Amino acid sequence: MWSGPNNSFEPTQQSGAAQFSRSAEMACGLFMKFRFVFALALFGCFARAVESGEPGLEHERIYASSGVELVAGPINRYLMFYPDGVVIGATSKGTPQQVKPWFSRDNQQVGQGHYELRQNRLTFLLRVETGTLEYVGVVEDERLVLDVVSLVDHKRRQYVYLLVESGAEQRVQGATR
């Protein structure tokens, strides 16, 4: 309310405090509404991602890629991802079932790194005995299409890794490009 001596239009202390209180209430109310709308939008995005079946990584399961044919036979490449962002990798002449008992993050002989997955784009550096490998690619359902660059000799290759199912090691054959 505006009042003052001789009915002039000067604010009183009470009306200023009341006005500040109303402004604070409005600001607080808007902030709470914003938080609620933001939370709903975030939940909606998460629900759409789950419903749409966007590709994701299978954790603690082996991905395999049939490798280069050598005189001694093919060399397969293996990767495994963990929920905390750790990735491990190794090469072996063994089948996925032969590799499974020793292929874990606790084995100091396997390469290790940290991966990042944004939407379906996968990137990571894998430190192996001979140097570091840079992986960049995409997750497509149960397969990974990855460009791999050795940071030692700068050779670039592309591999397709398939998710290994129990007893389905034959799926690994032909998994290179």
N, C-alpha and C. Protein backbone atom coordinates (compact mmCIF):
# COMPACT_ATOMS: atom_id res chain seq x y z
N MET A 1 0.85 -1.17 0.00
CA MET A 1 0.00 0.00 0.00
C MET A 1 0.89 1.22 0.00
N TRP A 2 0.50 2.20 -0.73
CA TRP A 2 1.27 3.43 -0.83
C TRP A 2 0.64 4.49 0.07
N SER A 3 1.43 5.00 0.96
CA SER A 3 0.95 6.10 1.81
C SER A 3 2.14 6.86 2.35
N GLY A 4 1.91 8.00 2.79
CA GLY A 4 2.96 8.83 3.33
C GLY A 4 2.35 10.10 3.86
N PRO A 5 3.17 11.03 4.33
CA PRO A 5 2.60 12.28 4.78
C PRO A 5 1.88 12.98 3.64
N ASN A 6 0.75 13.55 3.93
CA ASN A 6 -0.07 14.28 2.96
C ASN A 6 -0.52 13.38 1.81
N ASN A 7 -0.73 12.09 2.07
CA ASN A 7 -1.17 11.13 1.06
C ASN A 7 -0.26 11.09 -0.17
N SER A 8 1.04 11.23 0.04
CA SER A 8 1.97 11.13 -1.08
C SER A 8 2.18 9.67 -1.44
N PHE A 9 2.75 9.42 -2.56
CA PHE A 9 2.95 8.06 -3.04
C PHE A 9 4.36 7.58 -2.72
N GLU A 10 4.62 7.30 -1.47
CA GLU A 10 5.90 6.77 -1.04
C GLU A 10 5.66 5.40 -0.41
N PRO A 11 6.49 4.44 -0.70
CA PRO A 11 6.28 3.12 -0.11
C PRO A 11 6.56 3.13 1.37
N THR A 12 5.79 2.36 2.11
CA THR A 12 6.04 2.22 3.54
C THR A 12 6.92 1.00 3.73
N GLN A 13 7.53 0.91 4.91
CA GLN A 13 8.39 -0.24 5.19
C GLN A 13 7.61 -1.55 5.13
N GLN A 14 6.40 -1.53 5.64
CA GLN A 14 5.59 -2.74 5.67
C GLN A 14 5.28 -3.20 4.26
N SER A 15 4.92 -2.31 3.39
CA SER A 15 4.56 -2.74 2.05
C SER A 15 5.79 -3.25 1.30
N GLY A 16 6.97 -2.69 1.58
CA GLY A 16 8.20 -3.17 0.94
C GLY A 16 8.51 -4.60 1.37
N ALA A 17 8.37 -4.88 2.66
CA ALA A 17 8.62 -6.22 3.18
C ALA A 17 7.60 -7.20 2.62
N ALA A 18 6.34 -6.77 2.56
CA ALA A 18 5.29 -7.63 2.02
C ALA A 18 5.54 -7.90 0.54
N GLN A 19 5.97 -6.86 -0.16
CA GLN A 19 6.25 -7.02 -1.59
C GLN A 19 7.41 -8.00 -1.79
N PHE A 20 8.47 -7.85 -0.97
CA PHE A 20 9.61 -8.77 -1.06
C PHE A 20 9.18 -10.19 -0.77
N SER A 21 8.32 -10.37 0.24
CA SER A 21 7.84 -11.69 0.61
C SER A 21 7.05 -12.32 -0.54
N ARG A 22 6.18 -11.52 -1.18
CA ARG A 22 5.41 -12.05 -2.32
C ARG A 22 6.35 -12.42 -3.47
N SER A 23 7.37 -11.61 -3.74
CA SER A 23 8.33 -11.90 -4.80
C SER A 23 9.11 -13.18 -4.51
N ALA A 24 9.51 -13.34 -3.25
CA ALA A 24 10.24 -14.54 -2.85
C ALA A 24 9.37 -15.78 -3.01
N GLU A 25 8.08 -15.66 -2.61
CA GLU A 25 7.16 -16.79 -2.77
C GLU A 25 7.00 -17.17 -4.24
N MET A 26 6.86 -16.14 -5.09
CA MET A 26 6.69 -16.42 -6.51
C MET A 26 7.95 -17.07 -7.09
N ALA A 27 9.12 -16.57 -6.70
CA ALA A 27 10.37 -17.13 -7.20
C ALA A 27 10.53 -18.57 -6.74
N CYS A 28 10.24 -18.83 -5.48
CA CYS A 28 10.34 -20.19 -4.94
C CYS A 28 9.36 -21.12 -5.65
N GLY A 29 8.14 -20.63 -5.88
CA GLY A 29 7.14 -21.44 -6.58
C GLY A 29 7.57 -21.76 -8.00
N LEU A 30 8.12 -20.77 -8.69
CA LEU A 30 8.61 -21.01 -10.06
C LEU A 30 9.75 -21.99 -10.07
N PHE A 31 10.68 -21.86 -9.10
CA PHE A 31 11.80 -22.78 -9.01
C PHE A 31 11.31 -24.21 -8.78
N MET A 32 10.36 -24.40 -7.89
CA MET A 32 9.83 -25.74 -7.62
C MET A 32 9.14 -26.31 -8.84
N LYS A 33 8.38 -25.47 -9.56
CA LYS A 33 7.72 -25.93 -10.78
C LYS A 33 8.77 -26.33 -11.82
N PHE A 34 9.84 -25.53 -11.95
CA PHE A 34 10.90 -25.84 -12.90
C PHE A 34 11.55 -27.18 -12.57
N ARG A 35 11.86 -27.40 -11.28
CA ARG A 35 12.46 -28.67 -10.87
C ARG A 35 11.56 -29.84 -11.22
N PHE A 36 10.26 -29.69 -10.98
CA PHE A 36 9.31 -30.75 -11.27
C PHE A 36 9.25 -31.04 -12.76
N VAL A 37 9.15 -29.98 -13.57
CA VAL A 37 9.09 -30.15 -15.03
C VAL A 37 10.39 -30.77 -15.54
N PHE A 38 11.55 -30.32 -15.02
CA PHE A 38 12.84 -30.88 -15.42
C PHE A 38 12.91 -32.36 -15.08
N ALA A 39 12.47 -32.73 -13.88
CA ALA A 39 12.49 -34.14 -13.48
C ALA A 39 11.60 -34.98 -14.39
N LEU A 40 10.42 -34.46 -14.72
CA LEU A 40 9.53 -35.19 -15.64
C LEU A 40 10.16 -35.35 -17.02
N ALA A 41 10.79 -34.30 -17.52
CA ALA A 41 11.43 -34.36 -18.84
C ALA A 41 12.57 -35.36 -18.83
N LEU A 42 13.38 -35.34 -17.77
CA LEU A 42 14.49 -36.28 -17.67
C LEU A 42 13.99 -37.72 -17.61
N PHE A 43 12.95 -37.96 -16.81
CA PHE A 43 12.37 -39.30 -16.74
C PHE A 43 11.81 -39.72 -18.09
N GLY A 44 11.17 -38.80 -18.80
CA GLY A 44 10.62 -39.10 -20.11
C GLY A 44 11.69 -39.49 -21.10
N CYS A 45 12.83 -38.78 -21.08
CA CYS A 45 13.94 -39.13 -21.98
C CYS A 45 14.47 -40.52 -21.66
N PHE A 46 14.62 -40.82 -20.36
CA PHE A 46 15.10 -42.14 -19.96
C PHE A 46 14.13 -43.22 -20.39
N ALA A 47 12.86 -43.00 -20.19
CA ALA A 47 11.85 -43.99 -20.56
C ALA A 47 11.83 -44.21 -22.07
N ARG A 48 11.96 -43.13 -22.86
CA ARG A 48 12.00 -43.28 -24.32
C ARG A 48 13.21 -44.07 -24.76
N ALA A 49 14.38 -43.84 -24.11
CA ALA A 49 15.59 -44.57 -24.48
C ALA A 49 15.42 -46.06 -24.21
N VAL A 50 14.80 -46.39 -23.08
CA VAL A 50 14.58 -47.81 -22.75
C VAL A 50 13.57 -48.42 -23.71
N GLU A 51 12.46 -47.70 -23.98
CA GLU A 51 11.43 -48.23 -24.85
C GLU A 51 11.91 -48.38 -26.29
N SER A 52 12.75 -47.45 -26.75
CA SER A 52 13.17 -47.47 -28.15
C SER A 52 14.19 -48.56 -28.43
N GLY A 53 14.72 -49.18 -27.37
CA GLY A 53 15.69 -50.25 -27.56
C GLY A 53 17.02 -49.72 -28.08
N GLU A 54 17.41 -48.51 -27.67
CA GLU A 54 18.69 -47.98 -28.08
C GLU A 54 19.77 -48.95 -27.65
N PRO A 55 20.78 -49.13 -28.51
CA PRO A 55 21.81 -50.11 -28.20
C PRO A 55 22.62 -49.73 -26.96
N GLY A 56 23.02 -50.72 -26.23
CA GLY A 56 23.87 -50.52 -25.07
C GLY A 56 24.84 -51.68 -24.97
N LEU A 57 25.77 -51.56 -24.09
CA LEU A 57 26.77 -52.62 -23.91
C LEU A 57 26.26 -53.67 -22.94
N GLU A 58 26.59 -54.88 -23.20
CA GLU A 58 26.34 -55.96 -22.25
C GLU A 58 27.55 -56.02 -21.34
N HIS A 59 27.32 -55.87 -20.05
CA HIS A 59 28.42 -55.86 -19.10
C HIS A 59 28.80 -57.27 -18.65
N GLU A 60 30.10 -57.43 -18.46
CA GLU A 60 30.68 -58.67 -17.97
C GLU A 60 30.33 -59.86 -18.85
N ARG A 61 30.23 -59.59 -20.16
CA ARG A 61 30.04 -60.65 -21.16
C ARG A 61 31.09 -60.44 -22.24
N ILE A 62 31.48 -61.49 -22.90
CA ILE A 62 32.57 -61.43 -23.88
C ILE A 62 32.05 -61.03 -25.25
N TYR A 63 32.75 -60.06 -25.85
CA TYR A 63 32.58 -59.72 -27.26
C TYR A 63 33.82 -60.28 -27.97
N ALA A 64 33.61 -60.90 -29.14
CA ALA A 64 34.73 -61.52 -29.85
C ALA A 64 34.72 -61.13 -31.32
N SER A 65 35.94 -61.04 -31.87
CA SER A 65 36.11 -60.76 -33.29
C SER A 65 37.11 -61.77 -33.83
N SER A 66 36.72 -62.47 -34.90
CA SER A 66 37.63 -63.41 -35.54
C SER A 66 38.73 -62.60 -36.19
N GLY A 67 39.95 -63.02 -35.97
CA GLY A 67 41.07 -62.20 -36.40
C GLY A 67 41.76 -62.66 -37.66
N VAL A 68 42.99 -62.25 -37.75
CA VAL A 68 43.84 -62.50 -38.91
C VAL A 68 44.23 -63.96 -38.95
N GLU A 69 44.16 -64.53 -40.14
CA GLU A 69 44.62 -65.91 -40.33
C GLU A 69 46.15 -65.92 -40.37
N LEU A 70 46.75 -66.63 -39.45
CA LEU A 70 48.20 -66.79 -39.44
C LEU A 70 48.52 -68.24 -39.79
N VAL A 71 49.77 -68.51 -40.00
CA VAL A 71 50.19 -69.88 -40.32
C VAL A 71 49.72 -70.84 -39.22
N ALA A 72 49.79 -70.39 -37.98
CA ALA A 72 49.41 -71.22 -36.84
C ALA A 72 47.90 -71.22 -36.59
N GLY A 73 47.12 -70.50 -37.39
CA GLY A 73 45.68 -70.44 -37.19
C GLY A 73 45.22 -69.03 -36.89
N PRO A 74 43.91 -68.85 -36.74
CA PRO A 74 43.38 -67.50 -36.52
C PRO A 74 43.65 -66.98 -35.10
N ILE A 75 43.82 -65.69 -35.02
CA ILE A 75 43.94 -65.01 -33.73
C ILE A 75 42.64 -64.25 -33.51
N ASN A 76 41.97 -64.55 -32.41
CA ASN A 76 40.72 -63.87 -32.08
C ASN A 76 40.99 -62.72 -31.13
N ARG A 77 40.15 -61.70 -31.21
CA ARG A 77 40.24 -60.55 -30.32
C ARG A 77 39.03 -60.58 -29.40
N TYR A 78 39.28 -60.26 -28.14
CA TYR A 78 38.21 -60.31 -27.14
C TYR A 78 38.15 -59.00 -26.35
N LEU A 79 36.93 -58.58 -26.06
CA LEU A 79 36.69 -57.40 -25.22
C LEU A 79 35.63 -57.75 -24.17
N MET A 80 35.72 -57.09 -23.03
CA MET A 80 34.69 -57.20 -22.00
C MET A 80 34.57 -55.85 -21.31
N PHE A 81 33.33 -55.43 -21.05
CA PHE A 81 33.04 -54.13 -20.45
C PHE A 81 32.42 -54.33 -19.07
N TYR A 82 32.74 -53.42 -18.17
CA TYR A 82 32.22 -53.46 -16.81
C TYR A 82 31.38 -52.20 -16.55
N PRO A 83 30.40 -52.29 -15.66
CA PRO A 83 29.52 -51.14 -15.40
C PRO A 83 30.23 -49.89 -14.90
N ASP A 84 31.39 -50.06 -14.27
CA ASP A 84 32.11 -48.89 -13.72
C ASP A 84 33.00 -48.20 -14.76
N GLY A 85 32.90 -48.60 -16.04
CA GLY A 85 33.66 -47.93 -17.10
C GLY A 85 34.95 -48.61 -17.49
N VAL A 86 35.29 -49.70 -16.85
CA VAL A 86 36.51 -50.44 -17.19
C VAL A 86 36.23 -51.33 -18.39
N VAL A 87 37.20 -51.40 -19.31
CA VAL A 87 37.16 -52.33 -20.43
C VAL A 87 38.45 -53.13 -20.41
N ILE A 88 38.34 -54.42 -20.74
CA ILE A 88 39.54 -55.25 -20.87
C ILE A 88 39.56 -55.85 -22.26
N GLY A 89 40.76 -56.19 -22.72
CA GLY A 89 40.89 -56.78 -24.05
C GLY A 89 42.09 -57.71 -24.12
N ALA A 90 41.98 -58.68 -25.03
CA ALA A 90 43.08 -59.63 -25.23
C ALA A 90 42.94 -60.26 -26.61
N THR A 91 44.05 -60.82 -27.10
CA THR A 91 44.03 -61.64 -28.31
C THR A 91 44.43 -63.04 -27.91
N SER A 92 43.87 -64.03 -28.60
CA SER A 92 44.15 -65.42 -28.27
C SER A 92 43.77 -66.31 -29.44
N LYS A 93 44.44 -67.44 -29.53
CA LYS A 93 44.06 -68.47 -30.50
C LYS A 93 42.89 -69.28 -29.97
N GLY A 94 42.60 -69.13 -28.69
CA GLY A 94 41.54 -69.91 -28.05
C GLY A 94 40.14 -69.46 -28.43
N THR A 95 39.21 -70.38 -28.24
CA THR A 95 37.79 -70.08 -28.46
C THR A 95 37.28 -69.25 -27.28
N PRO A 96 36.10 -68.65 -27.41
CA PRO A 96 35.55 -67.90 -26.26
C PRO A 96 35.43 -68.76 -24.99
N GLN A 97 35.06 -70.02 -25.15
CA GLN A 97 34.93 -70.88 -23.97
C GLN A 97 36.30 -71.18 -23.34
N GLN A 98 37.34 -71.23 -24.15
CA GLN A 98 38.69 -71.45 -23.62
C GLN A 98 39.23 -70.19 -22.94
N VAL A 99 38.83 -69.05 -23.42
CA VAL A 99 39.31 -67.77 -22.90
C VAL A 99 38.58 -67.38 -21.61
N LYS A 100 37.32 -67.74 -21.52
CA LYS A 100 36.46 -67.29 -20.41
C LYS A 100 37.05 -67.49 -19.01
N PRO A 101 37.71 -68.63 -18.69
CA PRO A 101 38.22 -68.81 -17.31
C PRO A 101 39.28 -67.79 -16.89
N TRP A 102 40.08 -67.29 -17.79
CA TRP A 102 41.15 -66.37 -17.41
C TRP A 102 40.90 -64.92 -17.84
N PHE A 103 39.85 -64.67 -18.61
CA PHE A 103 39.61 -63.34 -19.15
C PHE A 103 38.79 -62.51 -18.15
N SER A 104 39.50 -61.77 -17.29
CA SER A 104 38.84 -60.93 -16.29
C SER A 104 39.75 -59.75 -15.95
N ARG A 105 39.18 -58.76 -15.31
CA ARG A 105 39.93 -57.57 -14.94
C ARG A 105 40.98 -57.85 -13.88
N ASP A 106 40.87 -58.99 -13.19
CA ASP A 106 41.85 -59.34 -12.17
C ASP A 106 43.13 -59.90 -12.77
N ASN A 107 43.09 -60.31 -14.03
CA ASN A 107 44.25 -60.87 -14.71
C ASN A 107 45.12 -59.72 -15.22
N GLN A 108 46.34 -59.61 -14.70
CA GLN A 108 47.25 -58.52 -15.08
C GLN A 108 47.79 -58.67 -16.51
N GLN A 109 47.55 -59.81 -17.15
CA GLN A 109 48.04 -60.05 -18.50
C GLN A 109 47.12 -59.50 -19.59
N VAL A 110 45.91 -59.09 -19.24
CA VAL A 110 44.99 -58.56 -20.24
C VAL A 110 45.11 -57.04 -20.30
N GLY A 111 44.84 -56.47 -21.48
CA GLY A 111 44.86 -55.02 -21.63
C GLY A 111 43.69 -54.40 -20.88
N GLN A 112 43.92 -53.18 -20.39
CA GLN A 112 42.86 -52.50 -19.64
C GLN A 112 42.76 -51.05 -20.05
N GLY A 113 41.56 -50.50 -19.87
CA GLY A 113 41.32 -49.09 -20.15
C GLY A 113 39.98 -48.68 -19.58
N HIS A 114 39.54 -47.48 -19.93
CA HIS A 114 38.23 -46.95 -19.52
C HIS A 114 37.48 -46.52 -20.76
N TYR A 115 36.23 -46.95 -20.86
CA TYR A 115 35.44 -46.62 -22.04
C TYR A 115 34.44 -45.51 -21.74
N GLU A 116 33.96 -44.90 -22.82
CA GLU A 116 32.90 -43.91 -22.74
C GLU A 116 31.87 -44.26 -23.80
N LEU A 117 30.61 -44.32 -23.41
CA LEU A 117 29.52 -44.62 -24.33
C LEU A 117 28.53 -43.47 -24.28
N ARG A 118 28.36 -42.80 -25.39
CA ARG A 118 27.38 -41.71 -25.52
C ARG A 118 26.46 -42.07 -26.65
N GLN A 119 25.18 -42.27 -26.30
CA GLN A 119 24.19 -42.81 -27.22
C GLN A 119 24.72 -44.14 -27.71
N ASN A 120 25.06 -44.27 -28.99
CA ASN A 120 25.60 -45.55 -29.45
C ASN A 120 27.08 -45.44 -29.84
N ARG A 121 27.72 -44.31 -29.55
CA ARG A 121 29.13 -44.08 -29.92
C ARG A 121 30.04 -44.52 -28.76
N LEU A 122 30.96 -45.42 -29.07
CA LEU A 122 31.85 -46.02 -28.08
C LEU A 122 33.29 -45.59 -28.35
N THR A 123 33.99 -45.13 -27.32
CA THR A 123 35.40 -44.77 -27.45
C THR A 123 36.16 -45.26 -26.23
N PHE A 124 37.41 -45.69 -26.46
CA PHE A 124 38.28 -46.03 -25.35
C PHE A 124 39.70 -46.25 -25.82
N LEU A 125 40.64 -46.12 -24.88
CA LEU A 125 42.03 -46.46 -25.09
C LEU A 125 42.28 -47.73 -24.31
N LEU A 126 42.95 -48.68 -24.93
CA LEU A 126 43.27 -49.95 -24.28
C LEU A 126 44.78 -50.08 -24.18
N ARG A 127 45.29 -50.13 -22.96
CA ARG A 127 46.72 -50.30 -22.74
C ARG A 127 47.04 -51.80 -22.75
N VAL A 128 47.88 -52.19 -23.71
CA VAL A 128 48.29 -53.59 -23.83
C VAL A 128 49.80 -53.66 -23.68
N GLU A 129 50.32 -54.87 -23.66
CA GLU A 129 51.75 -55.08 -23.44
C GLU A 129 52.62 -54.35 -24.47
N THR A 130 52.17 -54.28 -25.72
CA THR A 130 52.98 -53.69 -26.79
C THR A 130 52.73 -52.20 -27.01
N GLY A 131 51.81 -51.59 -26.27
CA GLY A 131 51.51 -50.17 -26.45
C GLY A 131 50.06 -49.86 -26.15
N THR A 132 49.55 -48.83 -26.80
CA THR A 132 48.17 -48.41 -26.57
C THR A 132 47.39 -48.44 -27.87
N LEU A 133 46.16 -48.92 -27.78
CA LEU A 133 45.26 -48.98 -28.94
C LEU A 133 44.09 -48.04 -28.69
N GLU A 134 43.72 -47.29 -29.72
CA GLU A 134 42.58 -46.39 -29.64
C GLU A 134 41.41 -47.01 -30.39
N TYR A 135 40.28 -47.14 -29.71
CA TYR A 135 39.07 -47.72 -30.30
C TYR A 135 38.01 -46.63 -30.42
N VAL A 136 37.42 -46.53 -31.60
CA VAL A 136 36.32 -45.60 -31.84
C VAL A 136 35.31 -46.32 -32.72
N GLY A 137 34.06 -46.31 -32.33
CA GLY A 137 33.06 -46.98 -33.15
C GLY A 137 31.66 -46.86 -32.60
N VAL A 138 30.82 -47.81 -33.00
CA VAL A 138 29.41 -47.77 -32.62
C VAL A 138 28.96 -49.11 -32.08
N VAL A 139 27.93 -49.04 -31.24
CA VAL A 139 27.27 -50.23 -30.72
C VAL A 139 26.00 -50.41 -31.54
N GLU A 140 25.87 -51.57 -32.16
CA GLU A 140 24.69 -51.90 -32.97
C GLU A 140 24.12 -53.21 -32.47
N ASP A 141 23.07 -53.13 -31.67
CA ASP A 141 22.45 -54.31 -31.08
C ASP A 141 23.50 -55.14 -30.35
N GLU A 142 23.77 -56.37 -30.81
CA GLU A 142 24.72 -57.24 -30.12
C GLU A 142 26.08 -57.26 -30.80
N ARG A 143 26.42 -56.20 -31.51
CA ARG A 143 27.74 -56.15 -32.14
C ARG A 143 28.34 -54.76 -32.00
N LEU A 144 29.65 -54.74 -32.07
CA LEU A 144 30.41 -53.49 -32.01
C LEU A 144 31.17 -53.36 -33.31
N VAL A 145 31.07 -52.22 -33.97
CA VAL A 145 31.84 -51.94 -35.18
C VAL A 145 32.87 -50.90 -34.76
N LEU A 146 34.15 -51.31 -34.72
CA LEU A 146 35.18 -50.47 -34.13
C LEU A 146 36.36 -50.25 -35.08
N ASP A 147 36.77 -48.99 -35.21
CA ASP A 147 38.03 -48.66 -35.86
C ASP A 147 39.08 -48.67 -34.77
N VAL A 148 40.19 -49.35 -35.03
CA VAL A 148 41.25 -49.50 -34.04
C VAL A 148 42.54 -48.94 -34.62
N VAL A 149 43.18 -48.05 -33.88
CA VAL A 149 44.44 -47.45 -34.30
C VAL A 149 45.49 -47.74 -33.24
N SER A 150 46.61 -48.30 -33.68
CA SER A 150 47.73 -48.50 -32.78
C SER A 150 48.43 -47.16 -32.62
N LEU A 151 48.61 -46.72 -31.39
CA LEU A 151 49.32 -45.46 -31.15
C LEU A 151 50.83 -45.65 -31.20
N VAL A 152 51.28 -46.89 -31.47
CA VAL A 152 52.71 -47.16 -31.63
C VAL A 152 53.10 -47.05 -33.10
N ASP A 153 52.43 -47.82 -33.98
CA ASP A 153 52.80 -47.79 -35.41
C ASP A 153 51.77 -47.08 -36.28
N HIS A 154 50.68 -46.58 -35.67
CA HIS A 154 49.62 -45.80 -36.34
C HIS A 154 48.87 -46.58 -37.42
N LYS A 155 48.92 -47.90 -37.37
CA LYS A 155 48.13 -48.72 -38.30
C LYS A 155 46.68 -48.69 -37.86
N ARG A 156 45.79 -48.60 -38.87
CA ARG A 156 44.35 -48.53 -38.62
C ARG A 156 43.69 -49.79 -39.18
N ARG A 157 42.79 -50.36 -38.37
CA ARG A 157 42.04 -51.54 -38.80
C ARG A 157 40.60 -51.38 -38.33
N GLN A 158 39.71 -52.13 -38.94
CA GLN A 158 38.33 -52.14 -38.48
C GLN A 158 37.94 -53.56 -38.13
N TYR A 159 37.29 -53.72 -36.98
CA TYR A 159 36.85 -55.03 -36.53
C TYR A 159 35.38 -54.96 -36.13
N VAL A 160 34.70 -56.08 -36.33
CA VAL A 160 33.34 -56.24 -35.85
C VAL A 160 33.38 -57.27 -34.74
N TYR A 161 32.96 -56.86 -33.56
CA TYR A 161 32.91 -57.75 -32.40
C TYR A 161 31.46 -58.17 -32.19
N LEU A 162 31.27 -59.46 -31.97
CA LEU A 162 29.94 -59.99 -31.69
C LEU A 162 29.86 -60.43 -30.24
N LEU A 163 28.70 -60.24 -29.66
CA LEU A 163 28.46 -60.70 -28.30
C LEU A 163 28.43 -62.22 -28.32
N VAL A 164 29.24 -62.83 -27.49
CA VAL A 164 29.33 -64.29 -27.44
C VAL A 164 28.23 -64.82 -26.54
N GLU A 165 27.44 -65.73 -27.07
CA GLU A 165 26.42 -66.40 -26.28
C GLU A 165 26.98 -67.71 -25.78
N SER A 166 26.44 -68.22 -24.72
CA SER A 166 26.91 -69.50 -24.19
C SER A 166 26.77 -70.57 -25.26
N GLY A 167 27.88 -71.25 -25.55
CA GLY A 167 27.87 -72.33 -26.52
C GLY A 167 27.71 -71.88 -27.97
N ALA A 168 27.89 -70.58 -28.23
CA ALA A 168 27.67 -70.08 -29.60
C ALA A 168 28.96 -69.52 -30.19
N GLU A 169 30.07 -70.20 -29.97
CA GLU A 169 31.34 -69.68 -30.45
C GLU A 169 31.42 -69.64 -31.96
N GLN A 170 30.57 -70.39 -32.67
CA GLN A 170 30.60 -70.35 -34.12
C GLN A 170 30.20 -68.97 -34.65
N ARG A 171 29.48 -68.17 -33.87
CA ARG A 171 29.10 -66.82 -34.31
C ARG A 171 30.31 -65.93 -34.50
N VAL A 172 31.43 -66.26 -33.87
CA VAL A 172 32.63 -65.44 -33.96
C VAL A 172 33.20 -65.51 -35.38
N GLN A 173 33.06 -66.64 -36.03
CA GLN A 173 33.63 -66.80 -37.37
C GLN A 173 33.03 -65.78 -38.31
N GLY A 174 33.88 -65.14 -39.11
CA GLY A 174 33.41 -64.16 -40.09
C GLY A 174 33.04 -62.83 -39.49
N ALA A 175 33.53 -62.52 -38.31
CA ALA A 175 33.14 -61.28 -37.65
C ALA A 175 34.15 -60.17 -37.88
N THR A 176 34.86 -60.18 -39.01
CA THR A 176 35.75 -59.08 -39.34
C THR A 176 35.28 -58.43 -40.62
N ARG A 177 35.74 -57.25 -40.84
CA ARG A 177 35.43 -56.53 -42.09
C ARG A 177 36.67 -56.32 -42.87
